[in-house]
N, C-alpha and C. Protein backbone atom coordinates (compact mmCIF):
# COMPACT_ATOMS: atom_id res chain seq x y z
N UNK A 1 71.55 -0.72 -0.83
CA UNK A 1 70.15 -0.32 -0.96
C UNK A 1 69.39 -0.67 0.32
N UNK A 2 68.45 0.19 0.68
CA UNK A 2 67.61 -0.09 1.83
C UNK A 2 66.70 -1.27 1.54
N UNK A 3 66.39 -2.02 2.60
CA UNK A 3 65.43 -3.11 2.50
C UNK A 3 64.30 -2.86 3.49
N UNK A 4 63.07 -3.02 3.01
CA UNK A 4 61.91 -2.82 3.88
C UNK A 4 61.15 -4.12 4.02
N UNK A 5 61.07 -4.61 5.25
CA UNK A 5 60.27 -5.79 5.57
C UNK A 5 58.88 -5.29 5.92
N UNK A 6 57.88 -5.74 5.15
CA UNK A 6 56.59 -5.08 5.21
C UNK A 6 55.47 -6.04 4.83
N UNK A 7 54.26 -5.69 5.23
CA UNK A 7 53.02 -6.37 4.83
C UNK A 7 52.17 -5.31 4.14
N UNK A 8 51.82 -5.52 2.88
CA UNK A 8 51.28 -4.44 2.06
C UNK A 8 49.98 -3.83 2.56
N UNK A 9 49.18 -4.57 3.33
CA UNK A 9 47.93 -4.02 3.81
C UNK A 9 48.10 -3.26 5.12
N UNK A 10 49.32 -3.19 5.61
CA UNK A 10 49.59 -2.52 6.88
C UNK A 10 49.75 -1.02 6.69
N UNK A 11 48.99 -0.25 7.44
CA UNK A 11 49.17 1.19 7.40
C UNK A 11 50.51 1.61 7.97
N UNK A 12 51.01 0.86 8.94
CA UNK A 12 52.31 1.21 9.51
C UNK A 12 53.43 1.04 8.48
N UNK A 13 53.37 -0.02 7.71
CA UNK A 13 54.34 -0.19 6.64
C UNK A 13 54.13 0.83 5.53
N UNK A 14 52.87 1.15 5.28
CA UNK A 14 52.53 2.12 4.23
C UNK A 14 53.16 3.48 4.50
N UNK A 15 53.20 3.88 5.76
CA UNK A 15 53.83 5.16 6.10
C UNK A 15 55.24 5.23 5.53
N UNK A 16 55.99 4.15 5.73
CA UNK A 16 57.39 4.14 5.31
C UNK A 16 57.48 4.14 3.80
N UNK A 17 56.67 3.32 3.13
CA UNK A 17 56.69 3.29 1.66
C UNK A 17 56.31 4.65 1.08
N UNK A 18 55.37 5.31 1.74
CA UNK A 18 54.92 6.61 1.26
C UNK A 18 56.07 7.62 1.32
N UNK A 19 56.79 7.65 2.43
CA UNK A 19 57.90 8.59 2.55
C UNK A 19 59.05 8.21 1.62
N UNK A 20 59.37 6.94 1.52
CA UNK A 20 60.44 6.52 0.60
C UNK A 20 60.13 6.93 -0.83
N UNK A 21 58.88 6.79 -1.23
CA UNK A 21 58.49 7.19 -2.59
C UNK A 21 58.54 8.70 -2.76
N UNK A 22 58.11 9.44 -1.77
CA UNK A 22 58.14 10.90 -1.86
C UNK A 22 59.57 11.42 -1.93
N UNK A 23 60.48 10.72 -1.24
CA UNK A 23 61.89 11.11 -1.26
C UNK A 23 62.65 10.51 -2.44
N UNK A 24 61.96 9.68 -3.24
CA UNK A 24 62.58 9.01 -4.39
C UNK A 24 63.82 8.20 -3.97
N UNK A 25 63.70 7.53 -2.83
CA UNK A 25 64.78 6.67 -2.34
C UNK A 25 64.50 5.24 -2.79
N UNK A 26 65.39 4.63 -3.55
CA UNK A 26 65.16 3.24 -3.97
C UNK A 26 65.25 2.30 -2.78
N UNK A 27 64.43 1.27 -2.80
CA UNK A 27 64.46 0.28 -1.72
C UNK A 27 63.96 -1.05 -2.25
N UNK A 28 64.35 -2.10 -1.56
CA UNK A 28 63.87 -3.44 -1.87
C UNK A 28 62.78 -3.80 -0.88
N UNK A 29 61.63 -4.19 -1.38
CA UNK A 29 60.52 -4.58 -0.52
C UNK A 29 60.54 -6.09 -0.33
N UNK A 30 60.57 -6.51 0.92
CA UNK A 30 60.51 -7.92 1.27
C UNK A 30 59.22 -8.15 2.04
N UNK A 31 58.27 -8.83 1.40
CA UNK A 31 56.96 -9.00 2.01
C UNK A 31 56.99 -10.05 3.11
N UNK A 32 56.34 -9.72 4.21
CA UNK A 32 56.23 -10.60 5.37
C UNK A 32 54.74 -10.81 5.62
N UNK A 33 54.26 -12.03 5.49
CA UNK A 33 52.84 -12.31 5.67
C UNK A 33 52.55 -12.50 7.15
N UNK A 34 52.06 -11.44 7.78
CA UNK A 34 51.81 -11.51 9.21
C UNK A 34 50.65 -12.45 9.54
N UNK A 35 49.76 -12.67 8.58
CA UNK A 35 48.64 -13.56 8.82
C UNK A 35 49.07 -15.03 8.88
N UNK A 36 50.21 -15.32 8.27
CA UNK A 36 50.76 -16.68 8.31
C UNK A 36 51.85 -16.83 9.37
N UNK A 37 52.01 -15.80 10.18
CA UNK A 37 52.99 -15.88 11.26
C UNK A 37 54.42 -15.65 10.85
N UNK A 38 54.63 -15.08 9.66
CA UNK A 38 56.01 -14.91 9.18
C UNK A 38 56.80 -13.87 9.97
N UNK A 39 56.11 -13.02 10.73
CA UNK A 39 56.84 -12.05 11.56
C UNK A 39 57.21 -12.65 12.92
N UNK A 40 56.87 -13.92 13.12
CA UNK A 40 57.16 -14.58 14.40
C UNK A 40 58.20 -15.69 14.24
N UNK A 41 58.78 -15.78 13.07
CA UNK A 41 59.78 -16.82 12.85
C UNK A 41 61.10 -16.43 13.52
N UNK A 42 61.95 -17.42 13.71
CA UNK A 42 63.25 -17.18 14.34
C UNK A 42 64.06 -16.14 13.55
N UNK A 43 64.07 -16.28 12.23
CA UNK A 43 64.85 -15.35 11.40
C UNK A 43 64.32 -13.92 11.52
N UNK A 44 62.99 -13.76 11.49
CA UNK A 44 62.46 -12.41 11.57
C UNK A 44 62.69 -11.80 12.95
N UNK A 45 62.55 -12.60 13.99
CA UNK A 45 62.73 -12.09 15.34
C UNK A 45 64.16 -11.62 15.60
N UNK A 46 65.11 -12.10 14.79
CA UNK A 46 66.47 -11.57 14.89
C UNK A 46 66.52 -10.14 14.36
N UNK A 47 65.61 -9.82 13.45
CA UNK A 47 65.55 -8.46 12.90
C UNK A 47 64.77 -7.52 13.82
N UNK A 48 63.69 -8.03 14.38
CA UNK A 48 62.89 -7.27 15.34
C UNK A 48 62.34 -8.23 16.39
N UNK A 49 62.93 -8.24 17.57
CA UNK A 49 62.48 -9.16 18.63
C UNK A 49 61.02 -8.95 19.02
N UNK A 50 60.44 -7.81 18.67
CA UNK A 50 59.03 -7.54 18.97
C UNK A 50 58.10 -8.21 17.96
N UNK A 51 58.65 -8.77 16.89
CA UNK A 51 57.85 -9.54 15.94
C UNK A 51 56.84 -8.74 15.17
N UNK A 52 57.17 -7.51 14.83
CA UNK A 52 56.23 -6.67 14.10
C UNK A 52 56.90 -6.05 12.87
N UNK A 53 56.06 -5.76 11.89
CA UNK A 53 56.51 -5.02 10.72
C UNK A 53 56.00 -3.59 10.88
N UNK A 54 56.62 -2.61 10.23
CA UNK A 54 57.74 -2.74 9.30
C UNK A 54 59.08 -2.74 10.03
N UNK A 55 60.09 -3.23 9.32
CA UNK A 55 61.48 -3.12 9.76
C UNK A 55 62.27 -2.62 8.56
N UNK A 56 63.08 -1.61 8.79
CA UNK A 56 63.94 -1.08 7.73
C UNK A 56 65.36 -1.58 7.97
N UNK A 57 65.92 -2.24 6.95
CA UNK A 57 67.31 -2.67 7.02
C UNK A 57 68.17 -1.63 6.30
N UNK A 58 69.09 -1.02 7.03
CA UNK A 58 69.95 0.01 6.47
C UNK A 58 71.08 -0.62 5.65
N UNK A 59 71.78 0.22 4.93
CA UNK A 59 72.83 -0.27 4.03
C UNK A 59 73.92 -1.04 4.77
N UNK A 60 74.15 -0.70 6.05
CA UNK A 60 75.20 -1.38 6.81
C UNK A 60 74.70 -2.62 7.54
N UNK A 61 73.44 -3.00 7.29
CA UNK A 61 72.89 -4.20 7.92
C UNK A 61 72.19 -3.96 9.23
N UNK A 62 72.14 -2.70 9.69
CA UNK A 62 71.42 -2.36 10.91
C UNK A 62 69.91 -2.46 10.66
N UNK A 63 69.16 -2.98 11.64
CA UNK A 63 67.71 -3.09 11.53
C UNK A 63 67.05 -2.03 12.40
N UNK A 64 66.12 -1.29 11.81
CA UNK A 64 65.38 -0.27 12.53
C UNK A 64 63.89 -0.57 12.46
N UNK A 65 63.28 -1.00 13.57
CA UNK A 65 61.83 -1.24 13.59
C UNK A 65 61.06 0.00 14.05
N UNK A 66 59.75 -0.12 14.10
CA UNK A 66 58.81 0.91 14.53
C UNK A 66 58.64 1.98 13.45
N UNK A 67 57.44 2.02 12.90
CA UNK A 67 57.18 2.85 11.73
C UNK A 67 57.50 4.32 11.94
N UNK A 68 57.11 4.88 13.08
CA UNK A 68 57.35 6.31 13.27
C UNK A 68 58.81 6.62 13.54
N UNK A 69 59.55 5.69 14.14
CA UNK A 69 60.99 5.87 14.28
C UNK A 69 61.66 5.85 12.91
N UNK A 70 61.18 4.97 12.04
CA UNK A 70 61.72 4.91 10.68
C UNK A 70 61.44 6.22 9.94
N UNK A 71 60.22 6.74 10.07
CA UNK A 71 59.88 8.02 9.44
C UNK A 71 60.82 9.11 9.91
N UNK A 72 61.06 9.18 11.21
CA UNK A 72 61.92 10.21 11.77
C UNK A 72 63.34 10.08 11.23
N UNK A 73 63.83 8.85 11.14
CA UNK A 73 65.18 8.61 10.62
C UNK A 73 65.29 9.05 9.16
N UNK A 74 64.33 8.65 8.34
CA UNK A 74 64.38 8.96 6.92
C UNK A 74 64.18 10.44 6.64
N UNK A 75 63.40 11.12 7.50
CA UNK A 75 63.05 12.51 7.24
C UNK A 75 64.13 13.49 7.67
N UNK A 76 65.09 13.03 8.45
CA UNK A 76 66.15 13.94 8.92
C UNK A 76 66.84 14.62 7.73
N UNK A 77 66.92 15.95 7.79
CA UNK A 77 67.57 16.71 6.73
C UNK A 77 66.73 16.91 5.49
N UNK A 78 65.43 16.59 5.56
CA UNK A 78 64.53 16.77 4.42
C UNK A 78 63.43 17.76 4.81
N UNK A 79 62.64 18.23 3.84
CA UNK A 79 61.54 19.15 4.17
C UNK A 79 60.44 18.51 5.01
N UNK A 80 60.47 17.20 5.17
CA UNK A 80 59.39 16.51 5.90
C UNK A 80 59.58 16.55 7.42
N UNK A 81 60.71 17.09 7.88
CA UNK A 81 60.96 17.26 9.31
C UNK A 81 61.50 18.67 9.53
N UNK A 82 60.75 19.53 10.22
CA UNK A 82 61.17 20.93 10.37
C UNK A 82 62.51 21.06 11.11
N UNK A 83 63.19 22.17 10.85
CA UNK A 83 64.44 22.48 11.56
C UNK A 83 64.17 23.12 12.92
N UNK A 84 63.08 23.86 13.02
CA UNK A 84 62.75 24.56 14.25
C UNK A 84 62.51 23.56 15.39
N UNK A 85 63.10 23.85 16.55
CA UNK A 85 63.04 22.92 17.68
C UNK A 85 61.61 22.62 18.12
N UNK A 86 60.81 23.66 18.28
CA UNK A 86 59.43 23.46 18.72
C UNK A 86 58.60 22.74 17.66
N UNK A 87 58.80 23.09 16.41
CA UNK A 87 58.06 22.41 15.34
C UNK A 87 58.42 20.93 15.28
N UNK A 88 59.69 20.61 15.49
CA UNK A 88 60.09 19.20 15.53
C UNK A 88 59.39 18.47 16.67
N UNK A 89 59.31 19.14 17.83
CA UNK A 89 58.61 18.54 18.96
C UNK A 89 57.12 18.35 18.65
N UNK A 90 56.54 19.29 17.92
CA UNK A 90 55.12 19.16 17.56
C UNK A 90 54.90 18.02 16.57
N UNK A 91 55.86 17.81 15.67
CA UNK A 91 55.78 16.63 14.80
C UNK A 91 55.74 15.37 15.64
N UNK A 92 56.63 15.28 16.61
CA UNK A 92 56.64 14.11 17.48
C UNK A 92 55.35 14.02 18.30
N UNK A 93 54.83 15.15 18.73
CA UNK A 93 53.57 15.17 19.48
C UNK A 93 52.47 14.44 18.70
N UNK A 94 52.33 14.78 17.43
CA UNK A 94 51.28 14.17 16.62
C UNK A 94 51.59 12.71 16.28
N UNK A 95 52.86 12.37 16.17
CA UNK A 95 53.22 10.99 15.91
C UNK A 95 52.97 10.11 17.14
N UNK A 96 53.19 10.68 18.33
CA UNK A 96 52.85 9.95 19.55
C UNK A 96 51.33 9.81 19.68
N UNK A 97 50.62 10.87 19.35
CA UNK A 97 49.15 10.83 19.35
C UNK A 97 48.66 9.72 18.42
N UNK A 98 49.28 9.62 17.25
CA UNK A 98 48.87 8.60 16.28
C UNK A 98 49.03 7.20 16.87
N UNK A 99 50.12 6.94 17.54
CA UNK A 99 50.38 5.60 18.06
C UNK A 99 49.60 5.30 19.34
N UNK A 100 49.28 6.34 20.11
CA UNK A 100 48.64 6.12 21.40
C UNK A 100 47.11 6.23 21.34
N UNK A 101 46.59 7.21 20.59
CA UNK A 101 45.15 7.48 20.58
C UNK A 101 44.44 7.07 19.30
N UNK A 102 45.16 7.05 18.20
CA UNK A 102 44.56 6.83 16.88
C UNK A 102 44.69 5.37 16.44
N UNK A 103 45.90 4.93 16.24
CA UNK A 103 46.17 3.59 15.69
C UNK A 103 45.59 2.45 16.52
N UNK A 104 45.66 2.50 17.87
CA UNK A 104 45.12 1.38 18.65
C UNK A 104 43.62 1.20 18.51
N UNK A 105 42.94 2.21 18.02
CA UNK A 105 41.49 2.12 17.87
C UNK A 105 41.07 1.99 16.40
N UNK A 106 41.45 2.94 15.59
CA UNK A 106 41.03 2.93 14.19
C UNK A 106 41.67 1.79 13.42
N UNK A 107 42.97 1.62 13.55
CA UNK A 107 43.66 0.56 12.82
C UNK A 107 43.29 -0.82 13.35
N UNK A 108 43.17 -0.92 14.66
CA UNK A 108 42.86 -2.23 15.27
C UNK A 108 41.50 -2.74 14.82
N UNK A 109 40.50 -1.87 14.84
CA UNK A 109 39.15 -2.28 14.40
C UNK A 109 39.17 -2.67 12.93
N UNK A 110 39.87 -1.90 12.12
CA UNK A 110 39.97 -2.25 10.69
C UNK A 110 40.57 -3.64 10.51
N UNK A 111 41.62 -3.93 11.25
CA UNK A 111 42.26 -5.25 11.14
C UNK A 111 41.30 -6.36 11.57
N UNK A 112 40.63 -6.16 12.69
CA UNK A 112 39.69 -7.18 13.17
C UNK A 112 38.63 -7.48 12.12
N UNK A 113 38.06 -6.43 11.52
CA UNK A 113 36.94 -6.62 10.60
C UNK A 113 37.37 -7.13 9.23
N UNK A 114 38.58 -6.77 8.79
CA UNK A 114 39.00 -7.12 7.44
C UNK A 114 39.81 -8.40 7.35
N UNK A 115 40.22 -8.93 8.49
CA UNK A 115 41.07 -10.12 8.45
C UNK A 115 40.50 -11.27 9.28
N UNK A 116 39.20 -11.25 9.48
CA UNK A 116 38.54 -12.34 10.19
C UNK A 116 39.04 -12.54 11.60
N UNK A 117 39.40 -11.44 12.26
CA UNK A 117 40.00 -11.54 13.58
C UNK A 117 39.07 -11.03 14.68
N UNK A 118 37.77 -10.94 14.38
CA UNK A 118 36.82 -10.42 15.36
C UNK A 118 36.29 -11.56 16.22
N UNK A 119 36.96 -11.81 17.32
CA UNK A 119 36.53 -12.82 18.28
C UNK A 119 35.38 -12.26 19.12
N UNK A 120 34.65 -13.11 19.85
CA UNK A 120 33.61 -12.57 20.74
C UNK A 120 34.14 -11.56 21.74
N UNK A 121 35.34 -11.81 22.25
CA UNK A 121 35.93 -10.87 23.21
C UNK A 121 36.18 -9.51 22.55
N UNK A 122 36.70 -9.54 21.32
CA UNK A 122 36.96 -8.30 20.62
C UNK A 122 35.67 -7.60 20.21
N UNK A 123 34.66 -8.36 19.86
CA UNK A 123 33.37 -7.76 19.51
C UNK A 123 32.81 -6.96 20.69
N UNK A 124 33.04 -7.47 21.89
CA UNK A 124 32.59 -6.75 23.08
C UNK A 124 33.34 -5.45 23.29
N UNK A 125 34.54 -5.37 22.74
CA UNK A 125 35.36 -4.17 22.88
C UNK A 125 35.05 -3.12 21.81
N UNK A 126 34.31 -3.51 20.77
CA UNK A 126 34.08 -2.60 19.64
C UNK A 126 33.46 -1.26 20.01
N UNK A 127 32.41 -1.22 20.84
CA UNK A 127 31.84 0.10 21.15
C UNK A 127 32.85 1.06 21.76
N UNK A 128 33.69 0.58 22.66
CA UNK A 128 34.69 1.46 23.27
C UNK A 128 35.77 1.85 22.27
N UNK A 129 36.18 0.90 21.42
CA UNK A 129 37.17 1.21 20.39
C UNK A 129 36.62 2.27 19.43
N UNK A 130 35.36 2.14 19.07
CA UNK A 130 34.76 3.13 18.17
C UNK A 130 34.67 4.50 18.85
N UNK A 131 34.30 4.51 20.11
CA UNK A 131 34.22 5.78 20.85
C UNK A 131 35.59 6.47 20.87
N UNK A 132 36.62 5.70 21.20
CA UNK A 132 37.95 6.29 21.28
C UNK A 132 38.48 6.70 19.89
N UNK A 133 38.13 5.91 18.88
CA UNK A 133 38.53 6.27 17.52
C UNK A 133 37.90 7.57 17.07
N UNK A 134 36.62 7.74 17.35
CA UNK A 134 35.94 8.98 16.98
C UNK A 134 36.46 10.16 17.81
N UNK A 135 36.86 9.89 19.04
CA UNK A 135 37.45 10.96 19.85
C UNK A 135 38.76 11.44 19.22
N UNK A 136 39.55 10.51 18.71
CA UNK A 136 40.80 10.89 18.03
C UNK A 136 40.52 11.68 16.76
N UNK A 137 39.54 11.23 15.99
CA UNK A 137 39.17 11.95 14.77
C UNK A 137 38.67 13.36 15.09
N UNK A 138 37.95 13.50 16.21
CA UNK A 138 37.46 14.82 16.61
C UNK A 138 38.61 15.76 16.97
N UNK A 139 39.64 15.23 17.61
CA UNK A 139 40.83 16.04 17.91
C UNK A 139 41.48 16.50 16.60
N UNK A 140 41.61 15.60 15.66
CA UNK A 140 42.19 15.94 14.37
C UNK A 140 41.34 16.99 13.65
N UNK A 141 40.03 16.81 13.68
CA UNK A 141 39.12 17.75 13.02
C UNK A 141 39.29 19.16 13.59
N UNK A 142 39.33 19.26 14.91
CA UNK A 142 39.49 20.56 15.53
C UNK A 142 40.80 21.23 15.15
N UNK A 143 41.86 20.45 15.09
CA UNK A 143 43.16 21.01 14.75
C UNK A 143 43.21 21.44 13.29
N UNK A 144 42.70 20.60 12.41
CA UNK A 144 42.78 20.87 10.97
C UNK A 144 41.77 21.92 10.51
N UNK A 145 40.82 22.25 11.35
CA UNK A 145 39.86 23.29 10.97
C UNK A 145 40.54 24.64 10.81
N UNK A 146 41.72 24.80 11.41
CA UNK A 146 42.40 26.09 11.34
C UNK A 146 43.69 26.09 10.56
N UNK A 147 44.07 24.95 9.99
CA UNK A 147 45.33 24.91 9.24
C UNK A 147 45.33 23.74 8.27
N UNK A 148 46.16 23.84 7.21
CA UNK A 148 46.11 22.81 6.15
C UNK A 148 46.80 21.51 6.52
N UNK A 149 47.82 21.57 7.37
CA UNK A 149 48.56 20.37 7.77
C UNK A 149 48.77 20.42 9.28
N UNK A 150 49.36 19.37 9.83
CA UNK A 150 49.41 19.28 11.29
C UNK A 150 50.42 20.21 11.94
N UNK A 151 51.53 20.49 11.29
CA UNK A 151 52.57 21.30 11.92
C UNK A 151 53.08 22.38 10.96
N UNK A 152 53.09 23.61 11.43
CA UNK A 152 53.74 24.73 10.74
C UNK A 152 53.22 24.96 9.32
N UNK A 153 51.96 24.64 9.09
CA UNK A 153 51.33 24.88 7.78
C UNK A 153 52.07 24.21 6.63
N UNK A 154 52.75 23.11 6.90
CA UNK A 154 53.48 22.43 5.84
C UNK A 154 53.36 20.92 6.02
N UNK A 155 53.46 20.22 4.92
CA UNK A 155 53.35 18.76 4.91
C UNK A 155 54.59 18.16 5.58
N UNK A 156 54.38 17.25 6.53
CA UNK A 156 55.49 16.65 7.28
C UNK A 156 55.19 15.18 7.56
N UNK A 157 56.13 14.54 8.24
CA UNK A 157 55.92 13.13 8.60
C UNK A 157 54.79 12.97 9.62
N UNK A 158 54.40 14.04 10.29
CA UNK A 158 53.21 13.96 11.15
C UNK A 158 51.98 13.66 10.30
N UNK A 159 51.89 14.30 9.14
CA UNK A 159 50.77 14.05 8.24
C UNK A 159 50.82 12.63 7.68
N UNK A 160 52.01 12.18 7.31
CA UNK A 160 52.15 10.82 6.79
C UNK A 160 51.71 9.80 7.83
N UNK A 161 52.16 9.99 9.07
CA UNK A 161 51.82 9.05 10.14
C UNK A 161 50.32 8.96 10.34
N UNK A 162 49.63 10.10 10.31
CA UNK A 162 48.19 10.09 10.56
C UNK A 162 47.37 9.74 9.33
N UNK A 163 47.91 10.01 8.16
CA UNK A 163 47.19 9.69 6.93
C UNK A 163 47.00 8.19 6.76
N UNK A 164 48.00 7.42 7.12
CA UNK A 164 48.04 5.99 6.77
C UNK A 164 46.78 5.25 7.16
N UNK A 165 46.33 5.41 8.38
CA UNK A 165 45.13 4.69 8.81
C UNK A 165 43.87 5.54 8.75
N UNK A 166 44.01 6.87 8.70
CA UNK A 166 42.81 7.70 8.60
C UNK A 166 42.13 7.51 7.25
N UNK A 167 42.91 7.40 6.18
CA UNK A 167 42.29 7.34 4.85
C UNK A 167 41.56 6.02 4.62
N UNK A 168 41.84 5.01 5.44
CA UNK A 168 41.11 3.74 5.33
C UNK A 168 40.23 3.51 6.55
N UNK A 169 40.01 4.53 7.35
CA UNK A 169 39.17 4.39 8.54
C UNK A 169 37.77 3.84 8.23
N UNK A 170 37.15 4.22 7.09
CA UNK A 170 35.83 3.65 6.78
C UNK A 170 35.83 2.12 6.68
N UNK A 171 36.98 1.53 6.36
CA UNK A 171 37.06 0.07 6.32
C UNK A 171 36.86 -0.55 7.70
N UNK A 172 37.03 0.25 8.73
CA UNK A 172 36.78 -0.21 10.08
C UNK A 172 35.46 0.30 10.64
N UNK A 173 34.64 0.89 9.74
CA UNK A 173 33.33 1.37 10.15
C UNK A 173 33.34 2.79 10.71
N UNK A 174 34.43 3.52 10.53
CA UNK A 174 34.50 4.91 10.99
C UNK A 174 34.10 5.83 9.83
N UNK A 175 32.88 6.31 9.88
CA UNK A 175 32.36 7.19 8.84
C UNK A 175 33.00 8.57 8.98
N UNK A 176 33.53 9.09 7.87
CA UNK A 176 34.26 10.36 7.92
C UNK A 176 33.42 11.55 7.46
N UNK A 177 32.16 11.33 7.14
CA UNK A 177 31.35 12.43 6.61
C UNK A 177 31.21 13.57 7.61
N UNK A 178 31.32 13.28 8.88
CA UNK A 178 31.18 14.32 9.90
C UNK A 178 32.47 15.06 10.20
N UNK A 179 33.49 14.79 9.41
CA UNK A 179 34.80 15.41 9.65
C UNK A 179 35.28 16.10 8.36
N UNK A 180 34.67 17.21 8.00
CA UNK A 180 35.02 17.85 6.72
C UNK A 180 36.46 18.34 6.64
N UNK A 181 37.01 18.81 7.74
CA UNK A 181 38.40 19.28 7.71
C UNK A 181 39.36 18.11 7.52
N UNK A 182 39.04 16.98 8.13
CA UNK A 182 39.86 15.77 7.96
C UNK A 182 39.79 15.31 6.51
N UNK A 183 38.60 15.32 5.93
CA UNK A 183 38.45 14.86 4.55
C UNK A 183 39.19 15.79 3.58
N UNK A 184 39.14 17.08 3.82
CA UNK A 184 39.88 18.02 2.97
C UNK A 184 41.39 17.80 3.11
N UNK A 185 41.83 17.53 4.33
CA UNK A 185 43.25 17.24 4.57
C UNK A 185 43.67 15.96 3.87
N UNK A 186 42.83 14.93 3.91
CA UNK A 186 43.14 13.69 3.20
C UNK A 186 43.38 13.96 1.72
N UNK A 187 42.55 14.81 1.13
CA UNK A 187 42.72 15.16 -0.29
C UNK A 187 44.03 15.91 -0.51
N UNK A 188 44.39 16.79 0.40
CA UNK A 188 45.65 17.53 0.25
C UNK A 188 46.85 16.58 0.33
N UNK A 189 46.79 15.63 1.24
CA UNK A 189 47.89 14.67 1.36
C UNK A 189 47.99 13.83 0.10
N UNK A 190 46.86 13.33 -0.38
CA UNK A 190 46.87 12.48 -1.58
C UNK A 190 47.34 13.24 -2.81
N UNK A 191 47.24 14.57 -2.77
CA UNK A 191 47.67 15.38 -3.90
C UNK A 191 49.14 15.74 -3.89
N UNK A 192 49.86 15.31 -2.88
CA UNK A 192 51.30 15.61 -2.80
C UNK A 192 52.07 14.79 -3.84
N UNK A 193 53.20 15.34 -4.28
CA UNK A 193 54.05 14.63 -5.23
C UNK A 193 54.54 13.31 -4.65
N UNK A 194 54.62 12.30 -5.49
CA UNK A 194 55.16 11.01 -5.07
C UNK A 194 54.18 10.16 -4.29
N UNK A 195 52.90 10.52 -4.33
CA UNK A 195 51.91 9.75 -3.57
C UNK A 195 51.71 8.37 -4.19
N UNK A 196 51.61 7.36 -3.33
CA UNK A 196 51.28 6.01 -3.77
C UNK A 196 50.15 5.48 -2.92
N UNK A 197 49.41 4.51 -3.43
CA UNK A 197 48.31 3.91 -2.69
C UNK A 197 48.79 2.91 -1.66
N UNK A 198 47.87 2.50 -0.80
CA UNK A 198 48.19 1.63 0.34
C UNK A 198 48.96 0.37 -0.05
N UNK A 199 48.53 -0.31 -1.09
CA UNK A 199 49.15 -1.59 -1.42
C UNK A 199 50.12 -1.49 -2.60
N UNK A 200 50.45 -0.26 -2.98
CA UNK A 200 51.43 -0.08 -4.05
C UNK A 200 52.84 -0.24 -3.52
N UNK A 201 53.71 -0.75 -4.38
CA UNK A 201 55.10 -0.92 -3.97
C UNK A 201 55.87 0.36 -4.17
């Protein structure tokens, strides 16, 4: 059985749980409290030297870190990853966008505000983080204004990757009322079979 090392409030871990549930793949959840430094212990660093969750342990004992790499691995041969070469590249395009333009701003601010991690230095960074977060949301809004999902008019791991932190963006002070296409897309994603909430196992 697969094992998932995860922290339930993490959107990155949530991506993996969401796909595992949609694919009806059984897995064992092993909670790692990142706030208590459990991802920095010697034992955990043997699983992922980068000290981050999630990490997926495969049946043969191999450890696979990085949420979007895990999504790509699990989605191979399923409807969540297109067969078409260009469409597969577009899935990766949006997953790279999520990690480079979206998550560092929207997810980071949410973490700072919800976990007592807003230092004076980070508070000074908030205006720029908010600007960049809204810029990412604007890109998403423009794209989704003309189609129901991110790639090839079908639900894919690109949607899962971007849904994870977008649906909780208001927890970081990112108001979504100005993004009607994004909000409609969030509803479409939540309406998919096998949907689970952020902290559900």
